[in-house]
N, C-alpha and C. Protein backbone atom coordinates (compact mmCIF):
# COMPACT_ATOMS: atom_id res chain seq x y z
N MET A 1 -2.31 17.41 -74.29
CA MET A 1 -3.55 17.80 -73.71
C MET A 1 -3.62 17.34 -72.26
N MET A 2 -4.08 18.23 -71.38
CA MET A 2 -4.16 17.91 -69.97
C MET A 2 -5.48 17.23 -69.66
N ASP A 3 -5.35 16.20 -68.89
CA ASP A 3 -6.61 15.60 -68.45
C ASP A 3 -7.05 16.24 -67.13
N ARG A 4 -8.15 15.80 -66.67
CA ARG A 4 -8.75 16.41 -65.48
C ARG A 4 -7.88 16.28 -64.24
N SER A 5 -7.25 15.13 -64.05
CA SER A 5 -6.43 14.91 -62.85
C SER A 5 -5.25 15.88 -62.82
N ASP A 6 -4.67 16.20 -63.97
CA ASP A 6 -3.58 17.18 -64.02
C ASP A 6 -4.08 18.56 -63.60
N LYS A 7 -5.26 18.93 -64.04
CA LYS A 7 -5.82 20.22 -63.66
C LYS A 7 -6.06 20.29 -62.16
N HIS A 8 -6.59 19.23 -61.61
CA HIS A 8 -6.84 19.20 -60.16
C HIS A 8 -5.52 19.28 -59.38
N PHE A 9 -4.54 18.54 -59.86
CA PHE A 9 -3.25 18.56 -59.18
C PHE A 9 -2.65 19.95 -59.20
N ARG A 10 -2.67 20.61 -60.35
CA ARG A 10 -2.12 21.96 -60.46
C ARG A 10 -2.89 22.94 -59.58
N PHE A 11 -4.19 22.78 -59.54
CA PHE A 11 -5.01 23.65 -58.72
C PHE A 11 -4.64 23.46 -57.23
N LEU A 12 -4.60 22.22 -56.82
CA LEU A 12 -4.28 21.93 -55.41
C LEU A 12 -2.87 22.41 -55.07
N THR A 13 -1.95 22.22 -55.97
CA THR A 13 -0.58 22.65 -55.74
C THR A 13 -0.51 24.16 -55.61
N ARG A 14 -1.20 24.85 -56.47
CA ARG A 14 -1.18 26.32 -56.45
C ARG A 14 -1.87 26.87 -55.19
N VAL A 15 -2.95 26.21 -54.73
CA VAL A 15 -3.70 26.72 -53.57
C VAL A 15 -3.08 26.25 -52.25
N LEU A 16 -2.72 25.00 -52.18
CA LEU A 16 -2.27 24.44 -50.90
C LEU A 16 -0.78 24.61 -50.63
N ALA A 17 0.04 24.58 -51.64
CA ALA A 17 1.49 24.63 -51.44
C ALA A 17 1.94 25.85 -50.64
N PRO A 18 1.46 27.03 -50.93
CA PRO A 18 1.92 28.18 -50.17
C PRO A 18 1.55 28.09 -48.68
N ASN A 19 0.49 27.40 -48.38
CA ASN A 19 0.05 27.31 -46.98
C ASN A 19 0.49 26.02 -46.29
N ALA A 20 1.15 25.14 -46.99
CA ALA A 20 1.52 23.85 -46.43
C ALA A 20 2.42 24.01 -45.20
N LEU A 21 3.41 24.87 -45.29
CA LEU A 21 4.30 25.08 -44.16
C LEU A 21 3.53 25.66 -42.96
N LEU A 22 2.67 26.60 -43.24
CA LEU A 22 1.85 27.19 -42.18
C LEU A 22 1.01 26.13 -41.49
N TYR A 23 0.33 25.28 -42.28
CA TYR A 23 -0.49 24.22 -41.70
C TYR A 23 0.35 23.21 -40.93
N THR A 24 1.52 22.90 -41.44
CA THR A 24 2.42 21.97 -40.75
C THR A 24 2.85 22.54 -39.40
N GLU A 25 3.21 23.81 -39.39
CA GLU A 25 3.63 24.46 -38.14
C GLU A 25 2.48 24.53 -37.14
N ARG A 26 1.28 24.86 -37.62
CA ARG A 26 0.11 24.90 -36.72
C ARG A 26 -0.20 23.52 -36.14
N THR A 27 -0.13 22.50 -36.99
CA THR A 27 -0.38 21.14 -36.54
C THR A 27 0.63 20.73 -35.47
N LYS A 28 1.89 21.04 -35.71
CA LYS A 28 2.96 20.70 -34.75
C LYS A 28 2.74 21.46 -33.44
N SER A 29 2.39 22.72 -33.53
CA SER A 29 2.15 23.54 -32.34
C SER A 29 0.99 22.98 -31.51
N LEU A 30 -0.09 22.63 -32.19
CA LEU A 30 -1.24 22.05 -31.48
C LEU A 30 -0.89 20.71 -30.86
N SER A 31 -0.12 19.92 -31.59
CA SER A 31 0.31 18.63 -31.07
C SER A 31 1.18 18.81 -29.82
N ASP A 32 2.12 19.76 -29.88
CA ASP A 32 2.98 20.04 -28.73
C ASP A 32 2.17 20.54 -27.53
N THR A 33 1.18 21.40 -27.80
CA THR A 33 0.33 21.92 -26.73
C THR A 33 -0.42 20.78 -26.05
N LEU A 34 -0.96 19.89 -26.84
CA LEU A 34 -1.69 18.74 -26.31
C LEU A 34 -0.75 17.86 -25.48
N SER A 35 0.44 17.59 -26.02
CA SER A 35 1.42 16.77 -25.28
C SER A 35 1.81 17.45 -23.97
N ASN A 36 2.03 18.76 -24.00
CA ASN A 36 2.40 19.48 -22.78
C ASN A 36 1.28 19.43 -21.74
N ASP A 37 0.04 19.60 -22.19
CA ASP A 37 -1.09 19.53 -21.27
C ASP A 37 -1.20 18.14 -20.64
N GLN A 38 -1.02 17.13 -21.46
CA GLN A 38 -1.07 15.76 -20.95
C GLN A 38 0.07 15.52 -19.94
N MET A 39 1.25 16.03 -20.25
CA MET A 39 2.39 15.86 -19.35
C MET A 39 2.15 16.61 -18.03
N ARG A 40 1.62 17.83 -18.11
CA ARG A 40 1.32 18.59 -16.89
C ARG A 40 0.30 17.85 -16.02
N ASN A 41 -0.72 17.28 -16.66
CA ASN A 41 -1.72 16.52 -15.91
C ASN A 41 -1.11 15.29 -15.25
N LYS A 42 -0.24 14.62 -15.97
CA LYS A 42 0.41 13.43 -15.42
C LYS A 42 1.30 13.81 -14.24
N ILE A 43 2.06 14.89 -14.38
CA ILE A 43 2.92 15.36 -13.30
C ILE A 43 2.08 15.74 -12.07
N ALA A 44 0.98 16.43 -12.30
CA ALA A 44 0.10 16.84 -11.19
C ALA A 44 -0.45 15.61 -10.46
N ARG A 45 -0.85 14.59 -11.23
CA ARG A 45 -1.36 13.35 -10.60
C ARG A 45 -0.27 12.67 -9.78
N LEU A 46 0.94 12.60 -10.34
CA LEU A 46 2.05 11.96 -9.62
C LEU A 46 2.42 12.72 -8.35
N GLU A 47 2.41 14.06 -8.42
CA GLU A 47 2.71 14.86 -7.23
C GLU A 47 1.65 14.64 -6.15
N ALA A 48 0.39 14.61 -6.55
CA ALA A 48 -0.70 14.39 -5.59
C ALA A 48 -0.57 13.00 -4.96
N LYS A 49 -0.24 12.00 -5.77
CA LYS A 49 -0.08 10.64 -5.26
C LYS A 49 1.08 10.58 -4.27
N TYR A 50 2.19 11.24 -4.60
CA TYR A 50 3.35 11.27 -3.72
C TYR A 50 3.00 11.91 -2.37
N GLU A 51 2.33 13.07 -2.41
CA GLU A 51 1.96 13.76 -1.17
C GLU A 51 1.02 12.90 -0.33
N TYR A 52 0.06 12.25 -0.97
CA TYR A 52 -0.88 11.39 -0.25
C TYR A 52 -0.14 10.24 0.42
N GLU A 53 0.73 9.56 -0.33
CA GLU A 53 1.46 8.42 0.23
C GLU A 53 2.40 8.85 1.35
N LYS A 54 3.01 10.05 1.21
CA LYS A 54 3.90 10.55 2.25
C LYS A 54 3.11 10.80 3.54
N LYS A 55 1.94 11.45 3.43
CA LYS A 55 1.11 11.71 4.61
C LYS A 55 0.62 10.41 5.22
N GLU A 56 0.24 9.47 4.36
CA GLU A 56 -0.25 8.18 4.85
C GLU A 56 0.85 7.45 5.63
N LEU A 57 2.07 7.52 5.15
CA LEU A 57 3.20 6.88 5.83
C LEU A 57 3.44 7.51 7.20
N VAL A 58 3.38 8.83 7.28
CA VAL A 58 3.54 9.52 8.55
C VAL A 58 2.44 9.10 9.52
N LEU A 59 1.20 9.06 9.04
CA LEU A 59 0.07 8.68 9.90
C LEU A 59 0.20 7.23 10.37
N ARG A 60 0.65 6.35 9.49
CA ARG A 60 0.85 4.95 9.90
C ARG A 60 1.93 4.84 10.98
N GLY A 61 3.00 5.61 10.83
CA GLY A 61 4.06 5.61 11.85
C GLY A 61 3.55 6.11 13.18
N GLU A 62 2.78 7.20 13.16
CA GLU A 62 2.21 7.73 14.40
C GLU A 62 1.26 6.73 15.03
N GLN A 63 0.45 6.07 14.20
CA GLN A 63 -0.50 5.08 14.73
C GLN A 63 0.25 3.89 15.33
N ALA A 64 1.35 3.47 14.71
CA ALA A 64 2.13 2.36 15.25
C ALA A 64 2.70 2.71 16.63
N LYS A 65 3.17 3.96 16.79
CA LYS A 65 3.67 4.39 18.10
C LYS A 65 2.55 4.37 19.14
N LYS A 66 1.36 4.85 18.76
CA LYS A 66 0.22 4.84 19.67
C LYS A 66 -0.18 3.42 20.04
N ASP A 67 -0.13 2.52 19.06
CA ASP A 67 -0.49 1.12 19.32
C ASP A 67 0.46 0.49 20.33
N VAL A 68 1.75 0.75 20.19
CA VAL A 68 2.74 0.20 21.14
C VAL A 68 2.48 0.77 22.53
N LEU A 69 2.27 2.06 22.62
CA LEU A 69 2.00 2.69 23.90
C LEU A 69 0.74 2.11 24.54
N ASN A 70 -0.32 1.96 23.77
CA ASN A 70 -1.56 1.39 24.30
C ASN A 70 -1.39 -0.05 24.74
N ARG A 71 -0.62 -0.84 23.99
CA ARG A 71 -0.36 -2.23 24.40
C ARG A 71 0.37 -2.26 25.74
N ASN A 72 1.34 -1.37 25.90
CA ASN A 72 2.07 -1.33 27.17
C ASN A 72 1.15 -0.92 28.31
N ILE A 73 0.28 0.05 28.09
CA ILE A 73 -0.66 0.49 29.12
C ILE A 73 -1.58 -0.66 29.52
N VAL A 74 -2.11 -1.35 28.53
CA VAL A 74 -3.02 -2.47 28.80
C VAL A 74 -2.27 -3.58 29.53
N ARG A 75 -1.07 -3.90 29.09
CA ARG A 75 -0.29 -4.95 29.75
C ARG A 75 -0.02 -4.59 31.20
N ASN A 76 0.34 -3.33 31.47
CA ASN A 76 0.60 -2.92 32.84
C ASN A 76 -0.66 -2.98 33.69
N LYS A 77 -1.79 -2.67 33.12
CA LYS A 77 -3.05 -2.73 33.87
C LYS A 77 -3.48 -4.17 34.11
N GLU A 78 -3.04 -5.09 33.29
CA GLU A 78 -3.44 -6.48 33.43
C GLU A 78 -2.59 -7.24 34.45
N LEU A 79 -1.50 -6.65 34.91
CA LEU A 79 -0.63 -7.33 35.86
C LEU A 79 -0.94 -6.87 37.29
N GLU A 80 -0.96 -7.82 38.17
CA GLU A 80 -1.13 -7.50 39.59
C GLU A 80 0.13 -7.99 40.29
N ILE A 81 0.77 -7.11 40.99
CA ILE A 81 2.00 -7.46 41.69
C ILE A 81 1.74 -7.36 43.19
N THR A 82 2.02 -8.44 43.90
CA THR A 82 1.82 -8.48 45.34
C THR A 82 3.15 -8.79 46.02
N PHE A 83 3.46 -8.00 47.04
CA PHE A 83 4.68 -8.22 47.82
C PHE A 83 4.30 -8.89 49.13
N ASP A 84 4.98 -9.98 49.44
CA ASP A 84 4.80 -10.65 50.73
C ASP A 84 5.92 -10.19 51.65
N ALA A 85 5.53 -9.70 52.79
CA ALA A 85 6.54 -9.19 53.73
C ALA A 85 6.32 -9.79 55.11
N ASP A 86 7.42 -9.92 55.88
CA ASP A 86 7.30 -10.37 57.26
C ASP A 86 6.98 -9.18 58.15
N PRO A 87 6.71 -9.39 59.44
CA PRO A 87 6.33 -8.27 60.31
C PRO A 87 7.37 -7.14 60.38
N SER A 88 8.62 -7.45 60.12
CA SER A 88 9.63 -6.41 60.17
C SER A 88 9.66 -5.57 58.90
N GLY A 89 8.91 -6.00 57.86
CA GLY A 89 8.86 -5.25 56.60
C GLY A 89 9.78 -5.81 55.54
N LYS A 90 10.52 -6.86 55.89
CA LYS A 90 11.41 -7.47 54.91
C LYS A 90 10.57 -8.26 53.90
N VAL A 91 10.85 -8.05 52.62
CA VAL A 91 10.10 -8.71 51.57
C VAL A 91 10.52 -10.18 51.51
N LYS A 92 9.52 -11.05 51.64
CA LYS A 92 9.78 -12.49 51.58
C LYS A 92 9.54 -13.04 50.17
N GLY A 93 8.68 -12.37 49.42
CA GLY A 93 8.38 -12.88 48.08
C GLY A 93 7.53 -11.89 47.30
N VAL A 94 7.50 -12.10 46.03
CA VAL A 94 6.71 -11.25 45.14
C VAL A 94 5.86 -12.17 44.28
N THR A 95 4.59 -11.83 44.15
CA THR A 95 3.70 -12.59 43.27
C THR A 95 3.29 -11.66 42.12
N ILE A 96 3.52 -12.14 40.91
CA ILE A 96 3.10 -11.39 39.72
C ILE A 96 1.99 -12.22 39.08
N LEU A 97 0.83 -11.62 38.94
CA LEU A 97 -0.33 -12.34 38.43
C LEU A 97 -0.94 -11.56 37.28
N GLN A 98 -1.16 -12.26 36.21
CA GLN A 98 -1.86 -11.63 35.09
C GLN A 98 -3.35 -11.69 35.41
N MET A 99 -4.00 -10.54 35.29
CA MET A 99 -5.40 -10.44 35.67
C MET A 99 -6.25 -11.39 34.82
N GLY A 100 -7.25 -11.99 35.48
CA GLY A 100 -8.19 -12.85 34.77
C GLY A 100 -7.72 -14.28 34.62
N THR A 101 -6.53 -14.58 35.09
CA THR A 101 -6.03 -15.95 34.97
C THR A 101 -4.98 -16.21 36.04
N THR A 102 -4.82 -17.44 36.38
CA THR A 102 -3.74 -17.81 37.30
C THR A 102 -2.65 -18.54 36.54
N LYS A 103 -2.81 -18.63 35.28
CA LYS A 103 -1.88 -19.36 34.43
C LYS A 103 -0.46 -18.81 34.52
N TYR A 104 -0.33 -17.49 34.60
CA TYR A 104 0.99 -16.87 34.57
C TYR A 104 1.47 -16.44 35.94
N ALA A 105 0.87 -16.94 36.99
CA ALA A 105 1.28 -16.55 38.34
C ALA A 105 2.71 -17.03 38.58
N LYS A 106 3.51 -16.16 39.14
CA LYS A 106 4.90 -16.51 39.48
C LYS A 106 5.18 -16.02 40.89
N LYS A 107 5.85 -16.83 41.63
CA LYS A 107 6.30 -16.42 42.95
C LYS A 107 7.81 -16.27 42.89
N ILE A 108 8.28 -15.16 43.37
CA ILE A 108 9.70 -14.89 43.37
C ILE A 108 10.14 -14.79 44.82
N LYS A 109 11.16 -15.57 45.20
CA LYS A 109 11.65 -15.52 46.59
C LYS A 109 13.08 -15.08 46.61
């Protein structure tokens, strides 16, 4: 004599078994789709990060060049060069003075 659990098992086996492969394939397909979407999103984020960092590096390099150029311009503007000459025009000495201070004054003869 069959008890209730045997009847339920047979019923479930008869109803679900034919569709088990179909459900397994659908589950796998959905899982793969989700994994692919996640991977595409990750790749897109990494590509965007790479492009941003590449542009930032270029901009930093350009800014460094501008900074060097500006420092040279400022340094040249801060120096005063005076030539001492005799009446014939012969240079007797050169004075290089950093503007705003006499600390770096040099006389060259």
